Amino acid sequence: MPKMKTKSSAKKRFKLTGSGLVKMAQAGKRHGMRKRSNKMLRNARGTTIMHPSDQHKVKTYFLHA
């Protein structure tokens, strides 16, 4: 049986932390900034930790960790 390949798109979008959590970029910062509030733009800076239910899916199907 061949090894399962890691999904290349997921490799670029997600990183695993040392404790095994999934780190991802904040959503909503690609375009359409004028309609978003300054508070939303401030809060969407940097990265965030993915919700545990989604983490399980990403790790199982995409990152194989």
N, C-alpha and C. Protein backbone atom coordinates (compact mmCIF):
# COMPACT_ATOMS: atom_id res chain seq x y z
N MET A 1 0.85 -1.19 0.00
CA MET A 1 0.00 0.00 0.00
C MET A 1 0.89 1.24 0.00
N PRO A 2 0.68 2.19 -0.93
CA PRO A 2 1.51 3.39 -0.95
C PRO A 2 1.16 4.33 0.20
N LYS A 3 2.10 5.19 0.53
CA LYS A 3 1.86 6.17 1.58
C LYS A 3 0.83 7.19 1.10
N MET A 4 0.06 7.75 2.05
CA MET A 4 -0.88 8.81 1.69
C MET A 4 -0.12 10.12 1.54
N LYS A 5 -0.46 10.86 0.51
CA LYS A 5 0.22 12.13 0.30
C LYS A 5 -0.46 13.22 1.13
N THR A 6 0.34 14.15 1.64
CA THR A 6 -0.19 15.33 2.32
C THR A 6 -0.76 16.25 1.26
N LYS A 7 -1.91 16.83 1.53
CA LYS A 7 -2.52 17.76 0.58
C LYS A 7 -1.70 19.04 0.53
N SER A 8 -1.23 19.41 -0.66
CA SER A 8 -0.34 20.56 -0.78
C SER A 8 -1.03 21.86 -0.41
N SER A 9 -2.32 21.98 -0.72
CA SER A 9 -3.02 23.22 -0.39
C SER A 9 -3.11 23.39 1.13
N ALA A 10 -3.32 22.29 1.86
CA ALA A 10 -3.41 22.37 3.32
C ALA A 10 -2.06 22.69 3.93
N LYS A 11 -1.00 22.19 3.32
CA LYS A 11 0.35 22.47 3.81
C LYS A 11 0.62 23.97 3.81
N LYS A 12 0.09 24.67 2.81
CA LYS A 12 0.33 26.10 2.69
C LYS A 12 -0.55 26.92 3.62
N ARG A 13 -1.71 26.38 4.00
CA ARG A 13 -2.68 27.16 4.77
C ARG A 13 -2.59 26.94 6.27
N PHE A 14 -2.15 25.78 6.69
CA PHE A 14 -2.16 25.43 8.12
C PHE A 14 -0.79 25.02 8.60
N LYS A 15 -0.52 25.30 9.90
CA LYS A 15 0.70 24.83 10.54
C LYS A 15 0.29 24.18 11.86
N LEU A 16 1.05 23.19 12.28
CA LEU A 16 0.79 22.56 13.57
C LEU A 16 1.68 23.20 14.62
N THR A 17 1.11 23.48 15.81
CA THR A 17 1.91 24.00 16.91
C THR A 17 2.62 22.83 17.60
N GLY A 18 3.47 23.14 18.55
CA GLY A 18 4.20 22.11 19.26
C GLY A 18 3.29 21.17 20.03
N SER A 19 2.16 21.69 20.51
CA SER A 19 1.23 20.86 21.27
C SER A 19 0.19 20.18 20.39
N GLY A 20 0.32 20.33 19.06
CA GLY A 20 -0.56 19.62 18.14
C GLY A 20 -1.80 20.37 17.72
N LEU A 21 -1.92 21.65 18.07
CA LEU A 21 -3.06 22.44 17.63
C LEU A 21 -2.81 22.93 16.21
N VAL A 22 -3.86 23.31 15.51
CA VAL A 22 -3.73 23.79 14.14
C VAL A 22 -3.83 25.31 14.13
N LYS A 23 -2.79 25.95 13.59
CA LYS A 23 -2.73 27.40 13.50
C LYS A 23 -3.12 27.80 12.08
N MET A 24 -3.92 28.88 11.96
CA MET A 24 -4.37 29.32 10.64
C MET A 24 -4.48 30.83 10.60
N ALA A 25 -4.53 31.38 9.39
CA ALA A 25 -4.69 32.82 9.23
C ALA A 25 -6.13 33.20 9.53
N GLN A 26 -6.32 34.44 9.97
CA GLN A 26 -7.67 34.92 10.23
C GLN A 26 -8.41 35.12 8.91
N ALA A 27 -9.70 34.88 8.92
CA ALA A 27 -10.52 35.02 7.70
C ALA A 27 -10.98 36.46 7.53
N GLY A 28 -11.32 36.82 6.29
CA GLY A 28 -11.98 38.10 6.02
C GLY A 28 -11.06 39.26 5.74
N LYS A 29 -9.81 39.00 5.33
CA LYS A 29 -8.88 40.11 5.10
C LYS A 29 -8.40 40.17 3.64
N ARG A 30 -9.07 39.48 2.72
CA ARG A 30 -8.58 39.44 1.34
C ARG A 30 -9.03 40.64 0.51
N HIS A 31 -10.28 41.01 0.65
CA HIS A 31 -10.80 42.13 -0.14
C HIS A 31 -12.04 42.66 0.57
N GLY A 32 -12.55 43.82 0.08
CA GLY A 32 -13.77 44.41 0.66
C GLY A 32 -13.55 45.01 2.02
N MET A 33 -12.43 45.68 2.24
CA MET A 33 -12.12 46.24 3.55
C MET A 33 -13.02 47.43 3.91
N ARG A 34 -13.53 48.12 2.90
CA ARG A 34 -14.32 49.32 3.21
C ARG A 34 -15.59 49.00 3.97
N LYS A 35 -16.18 47.85 3.69
CA LYS A 35 -17.44 47.52 4.37
C LYS A 35 -17.23 46.90 5.74
N ARG A 36 -15.99 46.60 6.10
CA ARG A 36 -15.73 45.98 7.39
C ARG A 36 -15.39 47.06 8.42
N SER A 37 -15.73 46.81 9.66
CA SER A 37 -15.45 47.81 10.70
C SER A 37 -13.96 47.75 11.06
N ASN A 38 -13.46 48.85 11.60
CA ASN A 38 -12.06 48.90 12.02
C ASN A 38 -11.79 47.88 13.11
N LYS A 39 -12.77 47.64 13.97
CA LYS A 39 -12.61 46.66 15.03
C LYS A 39 -12.43 45.27 14.44
N MET A 40 -13.21 44.93 13.42
CA MET A 40 -13.09 43.61 12.80
C MET A 40 -11.72 43.45 12.16
N LEU A 41 -11.24 44.49 11.46
CA LEU A 41 -9.93 44.43 10.81
C LEU A 41 -8.80 44.29 11.83
N ARG A 42 -8.91 44.99 12.95
CA ARG A 42 -7.92 44.87 14.02
C ARG A 42 -7.90 43.46 14.58
N ASN A 43 -9.08 42.91 14.84
CA ASN A 43 -9.17 41.60 15.45
C ASN A 43 -8.77 40.48 14.50
N ALA A 44 -8.77 40.75 13.21
CA ALA A 44 -8.44 39.72 12.22
C ALA A 44 -6.96 39.72 11.84
N ARG A 45 -6.14 40.46 12.58
CA ARG A 45 -4.70 40.44 12.30
C ARG A 45 -4.08 39.14 12.76
N GLY A 46 -2.99 38.77 12.13
CA GLY A 46 -2.19 37.65 12.62
C GLY A 46 -2.86 36.30 12.41
N THR A 47 -2.59 35.38 13.32
CA THR A 47 -3.10 34.01 13.19
C THR A 47 -3.99 33.67 14.38
N THR A 48 -4.68 32.55 14.26
CA THR A 48 -5.56 32.08 15.32
C THR A 48 -5.49 30.56 15.39
N ILE A 49 -6.01 30.00 16.44
CA ILE A 49 -6.06 28.55 16.61
C ILE A 49 -7.42 28.06 16.13
N MET A 50 -7.42 27.01 15.33
CA MET A 50 -8.64 26.47 14.77
C MET A 50 -9.49 25.78 15.85
N HIS A 51 -10.79 25.78 15.65
CA HIS A 51 -11.71 25.12 16.57
C HIS A 51 -11.41 23.62 16.61
N PRO A 52 -11.50 22.98 17.78
CA PRO A 52 -11.12 21.56 17.89
C PRO A 52 -11.84 20.61 16.94
N SER A 53 -13.12 20.86 16.65
CA SER A 53 -13.84 19.95 15.74
C SER A 53 -13.29 20.05 14.32
N ASP A 54 -12.90 21.26 13.91
CA ASP A 54 -12.30 21.42 12.59
C ASP A 54 -10.86 20.92 12.57
N GLN A 55 -10.16 21.10 13.69
CA GLN A 55 -8.78 20.60 13.79
C GLN A 55 -8.72 19.12 13.50
N HIS A 56 -9.67 18.38 14.05
CA HIS A 56 -9.67 16.93 13.88
C HIS A 56 -9.78 16.58 12.39
N LYS A 57 -10.66 17.28 11.67
CA LYS A 57 -10.83 17.02 10.24
C LYS A 57 -9.56 17.34 9.46
N VAL A 58 -8.97 18.48 9.74
CA VAL A 58 -7.78 18.90 9.02
C VAL A 58 -6.62 17.94 9.26
N LYS A 59 -6.42 17.56 10.51
CA LYS A 59 -5.32 16.66 10.83
C LYS A 59 -5.53 15.27 10.23
N THR A 60 -6.77 14.79 10.26
CA THR A 60 -7.04 13.43 9.79
C THR A 60 -6.96 13.34 8.27
N TYR A 61 -7.58 14.29 7.57
CA TYR A 61 -7.73 14.13 6.12
C TYR A 61 -6.66 14.86 5.32
N PHE A 62 -6.06 15.91 5.89
CA PHE A 62 -5.18 16.74 5.07
C PHE A 62 -3.72 16.74 5.50
N LEU A 63 -3.46 16.77 6.79
CA LEU A 63 -2.07 16.89 7.24
C LEU A 63 -1.47 15.55 7.68
N HIS A 64 -2.28 14.57 7.97
CA HIS A 64 -1.81 13.24 8.37
C HIS A 64 -0.83 13.29 9.50
N ALA A 65 -1.18 14.05 10.56
CA ALA A 65 -0.27 14.15 11.71
C ALA A 65 -0.85 13.46 12.92
